[in-house]
Amino acid sequence: MKRREFIKKAAVGSAGLAGSFLLPKFLRDEKPISMGNPNFQPDVEIELTALESEIPILPGKYTKVWKYRAKLVKGPPGTIQELKNTYIGPIFRFKKGQKVRIIFYNHIPDKTIVHWHGLHVPQEADGHPRFVIKKGQRYVYEFEIKNRAGTYWFHPHPHGRTGPQVYMGLAGLLLITDEEENSLPLPREEFDVPIVIQDRTFNGRNQLVYLMGGMMERMRGFLGEQILVNGQPNFTLNVSTSVYRLRVLNGSNSRIYKLAWSNGMPLTVIGTDGGLLEKPITKNYIMLGPAERVDLWVDFTNLNPGDELVLKSLAFSGAATGGMGGGMMGRDRGRRMGRGNVPDNGEELDVLRVKITRRVKNSLKLPEKLSRIEHYNLGEAVNKNSPRTFRFEMRRMRPTINGRTFQMTAVAKDEIVKLNTLEVWELVNASGGMGMMGGMMQMPHPVHIHGLQFQVIERTPSIGWETIRDGFIDSGWKDTVLLMPGMRVKVLMKFEDFTGLYLYHCHNLEHEDLGMMRNYLVKA
């Protein structure tokens, strides 16, 4: 299917079910920012462009991609890091407290907008799809960096088109520092390495292939046949006998990873979505859903030049959609379609290879304490005895939240919150019904809430629990949480600083594009 044809078909009707109402006219009629605020005095100003390009990914013919390109207009040297020979990037490096202006230019053949994933920003800077701009237009973002030090990212957010636009290559990293992080003896410069994990499928002409399996594949979520790291296949990370900070982002559309080292070495986690943990956590494996991040402290000092090890994604249960074409049924169907084995969510994979290339002296020691985190008190939540419940489930072959689908400027009464309040939300994966082919509809849902960071206070078991139970990092700050089938997760969040319309949705991008996304409104 041609890209333009897919985009047209991907635009699902926005009619939701009963219980929603439209926003006031002054909010519905907001226009894209074009000139910015003349009274805003930025410390950093960047021109960011989304454009079409061709790059070498596989041997032979170049691959057509979409990518972001950035230019520093004002700000400290090193604010922008461009990655070579990849569609991934750029990397923006900001400091907490900086005022930032980003002038975004759209030069791809589709409407788009940019979402600063994980950042606490005003509604007009969050990348809501009602602010999409056409090719040749621009959008001006202005905001102060209020987030603590951490690994954040940015990507497109047009309704019905996020999946194909991210898949074509539009994604970059946004790294924030602050005084607390700078006071710690952490790996820096060449020892601070971004790791963006994605899966892609290529045809015989080295071009990207997306959603060739029809509605079944869209409902499952796209799973590629090859793993790419930082936009490169068969990725090898050459390291010395030192300590590294690996900033790992699951940038895949829908694939979940169960990360582990091939030699059995434990993984030491120092940070999650919203920055550093209070203290390091050691795991034998880590579950990482789409859009989640984890910062790893990796000590290679006991290895020798020439040694190699592999970061793997181990097999796990509970994610293959048996009734929707996953598992053995999906593999058999794939063979009949002439596509070989259709990939599964939960199969064992090699993610990247690490090779020790040289010996150096290392003086870094893992800090016992990393940061100070203010822990929310459930007893102070305004709805401590009656959490808001949001059920993510398939209804009549459509992904829904509480039975509703996305409407551009609509909110329901249970989606309105009050500024300066603390709330508890219960996020429920209601998967488990029978699918079209008689199998269980096991649909994982990585849930992302815009505009804030939250704290996980409770997680219940799920389908496949024994194969995943020890891999969740629920400490620290989060903006995305993985809900496996049948799982319930309670989170605490505070609505502060900004009023307006924000999103919450499944970050399986195909589910999001099909309408598993809703607005919530923060009112003064």
Protein backbone atom coordinates (compact mmCIF):
# COMPACT_ATOMS: atom_id res chain seq x y z
CA MET A 1 0.00 0.00 0.00
CA LYS A 2 1.32 3.44 -0.89
CA ARG A 3 2.07 5.82 1.99
CA ARG A 4 -0.58 8.34 0.89
CA GLU A 5 -3.22 5.62 0.65
CA PHE A 6 -2.35 4.34 4.11
CA ILE A 7 -2.48 7.80 5.66
CA LYS A 8 -5.93 8.33 4.17
CA LYS A 9 -7.18 5.02 5.54
CA ALA A 10 -5.50 5.58 8.90
CA ALA A 11 -7.61 8.65 9.62
CA VAL A 12 -10.29 6.98 11.71
CA GLY A 13 -13.58 8.74 12.27
CA SER A 14 -13.50 10.80 15.45
CA ALA A 15 -17.05 10.21 16.60
CA GLY A 16 -16.90 9.10 20.25
CA LEU A 17 -19.60 7.47 22.33
CA ALA A 18 -22.02 9.23 24.64
CA GLY A 19 -20.80 11.25 27.61
CA SER A 20 -18.55 13.82 25.90
CA PHE A 21 -19.05 17.49 25.24
CA LEU A 22 -17.19 20.00 23.12
CA LEU A 23 -14.93 22.64 24.60
CA PRO A 24 -15.93 26.29 24.72
CA LYS A 25 -15.62 28.06 21.38
CA PHE A 26 -12.59 30.11 22.43
CA LEU A 27 -10.64 26.88 22.94
CA ARG A 28 -11.92 25.15 19.82
CA ASP A 29 -11.01 28.14 17.65
CA GLU A 30 -7.38 28.40 18.81
CA LYS A 31 -5.07 28.92 15.85
CA PRO A 32 -1.50 27.65 15.44
CA ILE A 33 1.11 30.00 16.86
CA SER A 34 2.95 31.67 13.98
CA MET A 35 4.98 34.55 15.43
CA GLY A 36 5.47 33.66 19.08
CA ASN A 37 5.28 36.06 22.01
CA PRO A 38 7.39 39.22 21.49
CA ASN A 39 7.77 39.51 25.27
CA PHE A 40 9.26 36.03 25.59
CA GLN A 41 13.05 36.27 25.95
CA PRO A 42 14.58 32.87 25.15
CA ASP A 43 17.92 31.63 26.44
CA VAL A 44 17.89 29.10 23.60
CA GLU A 45 16.36 29.45 20.14
CA ILE A 46 16.31 26.60 17.64
CA GLU A 47 14.96 26.16 14.13
CA LEU A 48 13.66 22.60 13.71
CA THR A 49 12.58 21.24 10.33
CA ALA A 50 10.80 18.00 9.42
CA LEU A 51 11.85 16.97 5.91
CA GLU A 52 12.14 14.14 3.42
CA SER A 53 15.54 12.51 2.99
CA GLU A 54 17.37 9.39 1.81
CA ILE A 55 20.01 7.68 3.92
CA PRO A 56 22.05 4.44 3.83
CA ILE A 57 20.59 1.88 6.24
CA LEU A 58 21.09 -1.43 4.44
CA PRO A 59 23.77 -2.21 1.81
CA GLY A 60 22.77 -0.97 -1.63
CA LYS A 61 19.95 1.44 -2.37
CA TYR A 62 19.36 4.33 0.03
CA THR A 63 16.17 4.27 2.13
CA LYS A 64 13.63 7.07 1.90
CA VAL A 65 12.90 8.49 5.34
CA TRP A 66 11.49 11.53 7.10
CA LYS A 67 13.73 13.18 9.64
CA TYR A 68 14.23 16.24 11.81
CA ARG A 69 17.05 18.71 11.18
CA ALA A 70 17.95 21.50 13.60
CA LYS A 71 19.86 24.79 13.59
CA LEU A 72 20.96 26.68 16.70
CA VAL A 73 20.00 30.34 16.40
CA LYS A 74 20.84 31.29 19.99
CA GLY A 75 22.22 29.39 22.94
CA PRO A 76 25.25 27.60 24.36
CA PRO A 77 27.49 25.55 22.05
CA GLY A 78 26.63 21.86 22.30
CA THR A 79 22.89 22.50 22.63
CA ILE A 80 22.31 20.47 19.45
CA GLN A 81 23.97 17.15 18.65
CA GLU A 82 23.36 15.79 15.17
CA LEU A 83 23.75 12.05 14.67
CA LYS A 84 25.39 11.02 11.40
CA ASN A 85 24.08 8.48 8.88
CA THR A 86 20.76 8.02 10.62
CA TYR A 87 17.23 9.35 10.59
CA ILE A 88 17.25 9.51 14.41
CA GLY A 89 17.82 12.87 16.07
CA PRO A 90 18.86 15.45 16.63
CA ILE A 91 19.63 15.42 20.36
CA PHE A 92 18.76 18.61 22.25
CA ARG A 93 20.64 19.32 25.49
CA PHE A 94 18.88 21.75 27.82
CA LYS A 95 19.35 22.90 31.41
CA LYS A 96 16.57 23.19 33.94
CA GLY A 97 15.40 26.79 34.09
CA GLN A 98 16.31 27.68 30.49
CA LYS A 99 13.71 29.46 28.41
CA VAL A 100 13.43 27.80 25.01
CA ARG A 101 11.96 28.89 21.69
CA ILE A 102 11.71 26.28 18.94
CA ILE A 103 10.52 27.41 15.51
CA PHE A 104 9.21 24.31 13.79
CA TYR A 105 8.95 24.14 9.97
CA ASN A 106 6.98 21.39 8.25
CA HIS A 107 8.45 20.20 4.94
CA ILE A 108 6.98 16.69 4.79
CA PRO A 109 3.95 15.92 2.56
CA ASP A 110 1.55 15.61 5.49
CA LYS A 111 0.11 17.63 8.35
CA THR A 112 2.15 17.30 11.53
CA ILE A 113 3.00 18.76 14.93
CA VAL A 114 5.73 17.99 17.51
CA HIS A 115 5.11 16.61 21.01
CA TRP A 116 7.81 17.05 23.68
CA HIS A 117 7.29 13.70 25.37
CA GLY A 118 7.52 13.93 29.15
CA LEU A 119 7.92 17.70 29.41
CA HIS A 120 5.80 19.87 31.71
CA VAL A 121 4.81 22.69 29.35
CA PRO A 122 1.79 24.95 28.60
CA GLN A 123 -0.98 23.36 26.52
CA GLU A 124 -0.05 25.30 23.37
CA ALA A 125 3.49 23.87 23.55
CA ASP A 126 2.48 20.24 24.14
CA GLY A 127 1.87 19.24 20.52
CA HIS A 128 -1.87 18.60 20.62
CA PRO A 129 -3.14 17.39 17.22
CA ARG A 130 -5.56 20.33 16.98
CA PHE A 131 -2.47 22.47 16.28
CA VAL A 132 -1.24 20.50 13.24
CA ILE A 133 0.34 22.53 10.46
CA LYS A 134 0.45 21.82 6.74
CA LYS A 135 3.53 21.53 4.56
CA GLY A 136 5.18 24.92 4.25
CA GLN A 137 3.80 26.25 7.54
CA ARG A 138 5.54 26.85 10.85
CA TYR A 139 4.69 26.60 14.55
CA VAL A 140 6.51 28.44 17.34
CA TYR A 141 7.01 26.71 20.69
CA GLU A 142 7.97 28.76 23.74
CA PHE A 143 8.41 27.24 27.18
CA GLU A 144 10.63 27.10 30.24
CA ILE A 145 12.41 23.87 31.13
CA LYS A 146 10.70 22.91 34.39
CA ASN A 147 11.59 19.20 34.35
CA ARG A 148 14.37 17.71 36.41
CA ALA A 149 17.40 16.18 34.74
CA GLY A 150 16.50 13.16 32.62
CA THR A 151 16.06 11.50 29.25
CA TYR A 152 13.07 12.81 27.31
CA TRP A 153 12.23 12.71 23.61
CA PHE A 154 10.16 14.32 20.88
CA HIS A 155 8.08 12.95 18.02
CA PRO A 156 5.06 13.81 15.82
CA HIS A 157 1.55 13.84 17.23
CA PRO A 158 -1.07 14.35 14.46
CA HIS A 159 -4.25 12.37 15.00
CA GLY A 160 -4.45 9.23 12.87
CA ARG A 161 -0.93 9.78 11.49
CA THR A 162 1.45 9.44 14.44
CA GLY A 163 2.28 5.80 13.68
CA PRO A 164 3.36 6.25 10.05
CA GLN A 165 5.24 9.51 10.77
CA VAL A 166 7.28 8.03 13.63
CA TYR A 167 7.84 4.91 11.55
CA MET A 168 9.19 6.98 8.66
CA GLY A 169 11.86 8.30 11.05
CA LEU A 170 10.62 11.37 12.94
CA ALA A 171 12.00 11.13 16.48
CA GLY A 172 14.72 12.81 18.52
CA LEU A 173 16.08 12.90 22.07
CA LEU A 174 15.87 15.74 24.57
CA LEU A 175 18.36 15.50 27.47
CA ILE A 176 17.99 17.80 30.47
CA THR A 177 20.58 18.50 33.15
CA ASP A 178 20.31 20.25 36.51
CA GLU A 179 22.51 21.09 39.50
CA GLU A 180 21.60 17.89 41.35
CA GLU A 181 22.70 15.66 38.47
CA ASN A 182 25.82 17.72 37.78
CA SER A 183 26.99 17.16 41.36
CA LEU A 184 27.11 13.38 40.86
CA PRO A 185 30.06 11.35 39.49
CA LEU A 186 28.15 10.01 36.48
CA PRO A 187 29.58 8.94 33.09
CA ARG A 188 29.71 11.88 30.69
CA GLU A 189 30.63 12.78 27.10
CA GLU A 190 31.68 9.64 25.18
CA PHE A 191 30.61 7.46 28.11
CA ASP A 192 27.04 8.83 28.06
CA VAL A 193 25.43 6.96 25.15
CA PRO A 194 21.89 7.23 23.73
CA ILE A 195 20.30 3.91 22.72
CA VAL A 196 17.08 4.27 20.69
CA ILE A 197 15.54 0.85 19.98
CA GLN A 198 13.11 0.45 17.09
CA ASP A 199 11.90 -2.33 14.80
CA ARG A 200 11.52 -1.95 11.05
CA THR A 201 10.68 -4.02 7.99
CA PHE A 202 12.31 -3.42 4.59
CA ASN A 203 11.37 -4.63 1.12
CA GLY A 204 13.81 -5.88 -1.52
CA ARG A 205 14.57 -2.28 -2.57
CA ASN A 206 15.58 -1.29 0.99
CA GLN A 207 12.42 0.77 1.45
CA LEU A 208 10.39 0.82 4.66
CA VAL A 209 7.30 -1.40 4.71
CA TYR A 210 4.48 -0.51 7.09
CA LEU A 211 1.18 -2.22 7.91
CA MET A 212 0.78 -4.63 5.01
CA GLY A 213 -1.37 -7.00 7.08
CA GLY A 214 -4.53 -4.89 7.07
CA MET A 215 -6.82 -4.28 10.05
CA MET A 216 -5.52 -7.27 11.99
CA GLU A 217 -2.01 -5.86 12.00
CA ARG A 218 -3.21 -2.40 12.92
CA MET A 219 -5.15 -3.73 15.90
CA ARG A 220 -2.18 -5.73 17.10
CA GLY A 221 0.28 -2.92 16.47
CA PHE A 222 3.15 -2.89 13.99
CA LEU A 223 6.04 -5.30 14.63
CA GLY A 224 9.08 -5.05 12.40
CA GLU A 225 11.31 -7.88 11.20
CA GLN A 226 14.62 -6.16 12.11
CA ILE A 227 15.81 -4.40 15.24
CA LEU A 228 17.48 -1.04 14.66
CA VAL A 229 19.46 0.86 17.29
CA ASN A 230 19.95 4.57 16.65
CA GLY A 231 18.58 3.90 13.17
CA GLN A 232 21.16 1.21 12.33
CA PRO A 233 20.73 -2.57 11.91
CA ASN A 234 23.09 -5.08 13.56
CA PHE A 235 24.28 -2.33 15.88
CA THR A 236 27.61 -2.81 17.68
CA LEU A 237 28.63 -0.51 20.52
CA ASN A 238 32.41 -0.30 20.86
CA VAL A 239 33.38 0.44 24.46
CA SER A 240 36.43 0.58 26.73
CA THR A 241 36.90 -1.06 30.13
CA SER A 242 35.04 1.75 31.84
CA VAL A 243 31.63 2.70 33.22
CA TYR A 244 28.92 3.88 30.82
CA ARG A 245 25.53 5.51 31.11
CA LEU A 246 23.22 4.01 28.51
CA ARG A 247 20.07 6.10 27.98
CA VAL A 248 17.69 3.53 26.54
CA LEU A 249 14.48 4.59 24.77
CA ASN A 250 11.93 2.16 23.40
CA GLY A 251 11.11 4.13 20.26
CA SER A 252 9.17 1.31 18.62
CA ASN A 253 5.57 1.70 17.49
CA SER A 254 4.27 -1.22 19.53
CA ARG A 255 7.01 -3.72 20.38
CA ILE A 256 7.79 -4.45 24.04
CA TYR A 257 11.29 -5.45 25.14
CA LYS A 258 12.44 -7.65 28.03
CA LEU A 259 16.03 -6.44 28.23
CA ALA A 260 18.82 -8.62 29.66
CA TRP A 261 22.55 -9.19 29.14
CA SER A 262 23.58 -12.41 27.39
CA ASN A 263 26.25 -13.20 30.04
CA GLY A 264 23.79 -12.98 32.92
CA MET A 265 25.22 -9.69 34.19
CA PRO A 266 22.52 -7.79 36.13
CA LEU A 267 21.23 -4.44 34.90
CA THR A 268 21.73 -1.46 37.19
CA VAL A 269 19.00 1.15 36.73
CA ILE A 270 19.75 4.75 37.75
CA GLY A 271 16.90 6.57 35.98
CA THR A 272 13.47 6.22 34.39
CA ASP A 273 11.15 8.45 32.34
CA GLY A 274 11.37 11.44 34.65
CA GLY A 275 15.03 11.33 35.61
CA LEU A 276 17.28 9.82 38.26
CA LEU A 277 15.98 7.42 40.88
CA GLU A 278 16.64 8.02 44.57
CA LYS A 279 19.08 5.10 44.57
CA PRO A 280 20.17 2.47 42.04
CA ILE A 281 18.01 -0.59 41.44
CA THR A 282 19.41 -3.91 40.19
CA LYS A 283 17.37 -6.22 37.96
CA ASN A 284 18.05 -9.42 36.05
CA TYR A 285 15.81 -8.08 33.28
CA ILE A 286 13.76 -4.96 32.54
CA MET A 287 10.37 -4.67 30.86
CA LEU A 288 10.31 -1.64 28.55
CA GLY A 289 7.12 -0.67 26.73
CA PRO A 290 6.89 1.78 23.81
CA ALA A 291 7.92 5.34 24.83
CA GLU A 292 9.40 4.23 28.18
CA ARG A 293 12.98 5.15 29.02
CA VAL A 294 15.52 3.67 31.39
CA ASP A 295 19.03 4.92 32.22
CA LEU A 296 21.52 2.13 32.90
CA TRP A 297 24.83 2.25 34.78
CA VAL A 298 26.95 -0.36 32.97
CA ASP A 299 30.36 -1.36 34.34
CA PHE A 300 32.66 -2.97 31.78
CA THR A 301 35.80 -2.74 33.96
CA ASN A 302 35.98 -6.50 34.62
CA LEU A 303 35.96 -7.36 30.92
CA ASN A 304 38.94 -7.54 28.57
CA PRO A 305 39.60 -6.14 25.08
CA GLY A 306 38.08 -8.53 22.56
CA ASP A 307 35.26 -9.63 24.85
CA GLU A 308 31.72 -9.34 23.50
CA LEU A 309 28.25 -9.53 24.96
CA VAL A 310 24.74 -9.01 23.66
CA LEU A 311 21.85 -6.95 25.01
CA LYS A 312 18.90 -9.22 24.33
CA SER A 313 15.14 -9.07 24.55
CA LEU A 314 14.14 -12.30 26.25
CA ALA A 315 10.98 -14.23 25.44
CA PHE A 316 7.92 -13.53 27.59
CA SER A 317 4.21 -14.33 27.66
CA GLY A 318 1.06 -12.25 27.65
CA ALA A 319 1.67 -9.92 24.71
CA ALA A 320 0.99 -12.08 21.64
CA THR A 321 -2.53 -11.43 20.36
CA GLY A 322 -3.65 -14.99 19.75
CA GLY A 323 -7.08 -13.99 18.42
CA MET A 324 -5.64 -11.22 16.28
CA GLY A 325 -2.95 -13.00 14.34
CA GLY A 326 -0.15 -13.40 16.87
CA GLY A 327 1.65 -16.52 18.10
CA MET A 328 1.69 -19.67 15.97
CA MET A 329 -1.52 -18.61 14.23
CA GLY A 330 0.19 -15.41 13.11
CA ARG A 331 3.23 -17.33 11.87
CA ASP A 332 1.08 -19.74 9.83
CA ARG A 333 -0.92 -16.83 8.39
CA GLY A 334 2.32 -15.05 7.50
CA ARG A 335 3.60 -18.07 5.58
CA ARG A 336 0.34 -18.27 3.62
CA MET A 337 0.77 -14.58 2.70
CA GLY A 338 4.29 -15.26 1.48
CA ARG A 339 5.85 -13.05 4.18
CA GLY A 340 7.66 -15.77 6.15
CA ASN A 341 7.20 -15.55 9.91
CA VAL A 342 5.07 -12.68 11.16
CA PRO A 343 6.97 -11.22 14.16
CA ASP A 344 5.58 -11.74 17.64
CA ASN A 345 5.53 -9.35 20.58
CA GLY A 346 7.36 -11.46 23.15
CA GLU A 347 9.78 -13.43 21.00
CA GLU A 348 13.51 -13.56 21.87
CA LEU A 349 15.65 -11.06 19.96
CA ASP A 350 19.16 -9.66 19.87
CA VAL A 351 19.01 -5.89 20.38
CA LEU A 352 22.65 -4.81 20.15
CA ARG A 353 26.18 -6.18 20.51
CA VAL A 354 28.83 -4.68 22.81
CA LYS A 355 32.50 -5.12 21.96
CA ILE A 356 35.35 -4.22 24.33
CA THR A 357 37.97 -2.49 22.17
CA ARG A 358 40.50 -0.97 24.61
CA ARG A 359 41.60 -0.88 28.22
CA VAL A 360 41.45 2.34 30.23
CA LYS A 361 41.58 3.25 33.91
CA ASN A 362 38.24 3.92 35.52
CA SER A 363 37.70 5.89 38.73
CA LEU A 364 33.90 6.14 38.80
CA LYS A 365 31.98 4.38 41.56
CA LEU A 366 28.23 3.87 41.60
CA PRO A 367 26.72 6.46 43.97
CA GLU A 368 24.61 5.01 46.78
CA LYS A 369 22.26 8.00 46.57
CA LEU A 370 21.32 9.55 43.23
CA SER A 371 18.64 12.15 43.84
CA ARG A 372 15.95 13.45 46.14
CA ILE A 373 12.36 12.68 45.16
CA GLU A 374 9.28 14.21 46.74
CA HIS A 375 6.91 11.31 47.31
CA TYR A 376 3.23 12.07 46.90
CA ASN A 377 0.95 11.06 49.77
CA LEU A 378 -2.11 9.07 48.73
CA GLY A 379 -3.92 10.44 51.77
CA GLU A 380 -3.68 13.95 50.28
CA ALA A 381 -5.36 12.99 46.99
CA VAL A 382 -8.73 14.68 46.52
CA ASN A 383 -10.17 11.37 45.31
CA LYS A 384 -8.24 9.01 47.59
CA ASN A 385 -11.35 6.91 48.25
CA SER A 386 -12.68 6.93 44.69
CA PRO A 387 -9.90 6.84 42.06
CA ARG A 388 -10.76 7.84 38.52
CA THR A 389 -10.80 4.61 36.52
CA PHE A 390 -9.86 4.42 32.86
CA ARG A 391 -10.41 1.12 31.04
CA PHE A 392 -8.34 0.47 27.92
CA GLU A 393 -10.08 -2.19 25.84
CA MET A 394 -11.29 -3.26 22.41
CA ARG A 395 -14.99 -2.72 21.73
CA ARG A 396 -16.47 -3.86 18.45
CA MET A 397 -13.00 -4.04 16.89
CA ARG A 398 -12.13 -0.50 18.03
CA PRO A 399 -9.62 0.50 20.72
CA THR A 400 -11.44 2.56 23.36
CA ILE A 401 -10.92 4.25 26.74
CA ASN A 402 -14.00 3.89 28.95
CA GLY A 403 -15.88 3.01 25.78
CA ARG A 404 -14.94 6.27 24.06
CA THR A 405 -12.66 7.12 21.14
CA PHE A 406 -10.81 10.33 20.37
CA GLN A 407 -12.61 13.58 19.56
CA MET A 408 -10.41 16.55 18.81
CA THR A 409 -11.75 19.03 21.37
CA ALA A 410 -14.12 16.96 23.48
CA VAL A 411 -13.86 15.93 27.12
CA ALA A 412 -16.19 13.93 29.33
CA LYS A 413 -17.17 14.98 32.83
CA ASP A 414 -14.83 12.38 34.32
CA GLU A 415 -11.95 13.88 32.30
CA ILE A 416 -12.03 17.32 33.96
CA VAL A 417 -9.55 17.93 36.79
CA LYS A 418 -8.84 20.92 39.02
CA LEU A 419 -5.59 22.88 39.05
CA ASN A 420 -3.39 22.46 42.14
CA THR A 421 -4.89 19.14 43.17
CA LEU A 422 -3.40 15.68 43.69
CA GLU A 423 -5.35 12.76 42.19
CA VAL A 424 -5.11 8.99 41.96
CA TRP A 425 -5.98 7.38 38.63
CA GLU A 426 -6.51 3.67 38.12
CA LEU A 427 -5.48 2.52 34.64
CA VAL A 428 -7.01 -0.81 33.65
CA ASN A 429 -6.10 -3.09 30.76
CA ALA A 430 -9.42 -4.81 30.13
CA SER A 431 -8.02 -7.22 27.52
CA GLY A 432 -9.02 -10.84 27.73
CA GLY A 433 -12.16 -11.19 25.62
CA MET A 434 -12.51 -13.52 22.65
CA GLY A 435 -11.12 -12.37 19.33
CA MET A 436 -12.46 -12.84 15.81
CA MET A 437 -10.65 -16.14 15.37
CA GLY A 438 -11.59 -17.61 18.71
CA GLY A 439 -8.36 -16.70 20.52
CA MET A 440 -7.79 -14.41 23.46
CA MET A 441 -7.35 -10.71 22.63
CA GLN A 442 -4.20 -10.12 24.66
CA MET A 443 -3.50 -6.47 24.00
CA PRO A 444 -0.75 -4.69 25.95
CA HIS A 445 -1.33 -0.95 26.37
CA PRO A 446 1.55 1.40 27.26
CA VAL A 447 -0.34 4.38 28.68
CA HIS A 448 1.13 7.89 28.36
CA ILE A 449 -0.25 10.95 30.16
CA HIS A 450 0.74 14.31 28.72
CA GLY A 451 1.87 17.39 30.60
CA LEU A 452 3.23 15.86 33.81
CA GLN A 453 5.19 13.13 35.54
CA PHE A 454 3.42 10.73 37.91
CA GLN A 455 4.27 8.14 40.56
CA VAL A 456 3.21 4.48 40.40
CA ILE A 457 1.74 3.30 43.72
CA GLU A 458 0.23 -0.08 42.82
CA ARG A 459 0.47 -2.73 40.09
CA THR A 460 -1.53 -5.96 39.94
CA PRO A 461 -0.53 -9.24 38.23
CA SER A 462 -1.49 -9.89 34.62
CA ILE A 463 -1.57 -12.54 31.92
CA GLY A 464 1.94 -14.00 31.63
CA TRP A 465 2.88 -12.54 35.04
CA GLU A 466 5.51 -15.15 35.92
CA THR A 467 7.58 -14.22 32.87
CA ILE A 468 7.54 -10.45 33.46
CA ARG A 469 6.89 -9.77 37.16
CA ASP A 470 10.46 -8.84 38.14
CA GLY A 471 11.07 -6.47 35.24
CA PHE A 472 9.01 -3.40 36.12
CA ILE A 473 10.67 -0.23 37.44
CA ASP A 474 7.90 1.53 39.37
CA SER A 475 10.13 3.82 41.43
CA GLY A 476 10.82 7.44 40.60
CA TRP A 477 8.93 9.57 38.10
CA LYS A 478 7.08 8.19 35.10
CA ASP A 479 5.09 9.55 32.16
CA THR A 480 4.37 6.19 30.49
CA VAL A 481 3.37 2.95 32.17
CA LEU A 482 3.07 -0.49 30.57
CA LEU A 483 -0.27 -2.23 31.14
CA MET A 484 -0.16 -5.90 30.27
CA PRO A 485 -3.47 -7.75 29.63
CA GLY A 486 -5.60 -7.89 32.75
CA MET A 487 -3.31 -5.54 34.69
CA ARG A 488 -4.35 -2.58 36.86
CA VAL A 489 -1.95 0.23 37.76
CA LYS A 490 -2.67 3.08 40.16
CA VAL A 491 -0.76 6.33 39.71
CA LEU A 492 -0.60 9.57 41.67
CA MET A 493 -0.34 12.85 39.78
CA LYS A 494 -0.48 16.55 40.59
CA PHE A 495 -1.98 19.12 38.22
CA GLU A 496 0.02 22.31 38.61
CA ASP A 497 1.24 25.44 36.81
CA PHE A 498 -0.88 25.11 33.66
CA THR A 499 -4.54 24.92 32.75
CA GLY A 500 -5.84 23.67 29.42
CA LEU A 501 -6.40 20.62 27.27
CA TYR A 502 -3.95 17.70 27.44
CA LEU A 503 -3.95 14.12 26.16
CA TYR A 504 -3.77 10.66 27.64
CA HIS A 505 -3.57 7.63 25.36
CA CYS A 506 -2.13 4.24 24.52
CA HIS A 507 1.39 4.62 23.13
CA ASN A 508 0.99 1.62 20.90
CA LEU A 509 0.93 4.07 18.00
CA GLU A 510 -1.46 2.01 15.93
CA HIS A 511 -3.93 1.90 18.83
CA GLU A 512 -3.49 5.64 19.31
CA ASP A 513 -4.16 6.31 15.62
CA LEU A 514 -7.27 4.13 15.77
CA GLY A 515 -8.68 6.36 18.51
CA MET A 516 -7.39 5.00 21.85
CA MET A 517 -6.70 8.55 22.96
CA ARG A 518 -8.68 11.12 24.93
CA ASN A 519 -8.41 14.67 26.24
CA TYR A 520 -8.37 15.70 29.86
CA LEU A 521 -9.00 19.31 30.86
CA VAL A 522 -7.23 21.12 33.70
CA LYS A 523 -9.43 23.92 35.05
CA ALA A 524 -8.54 26.65 37.55
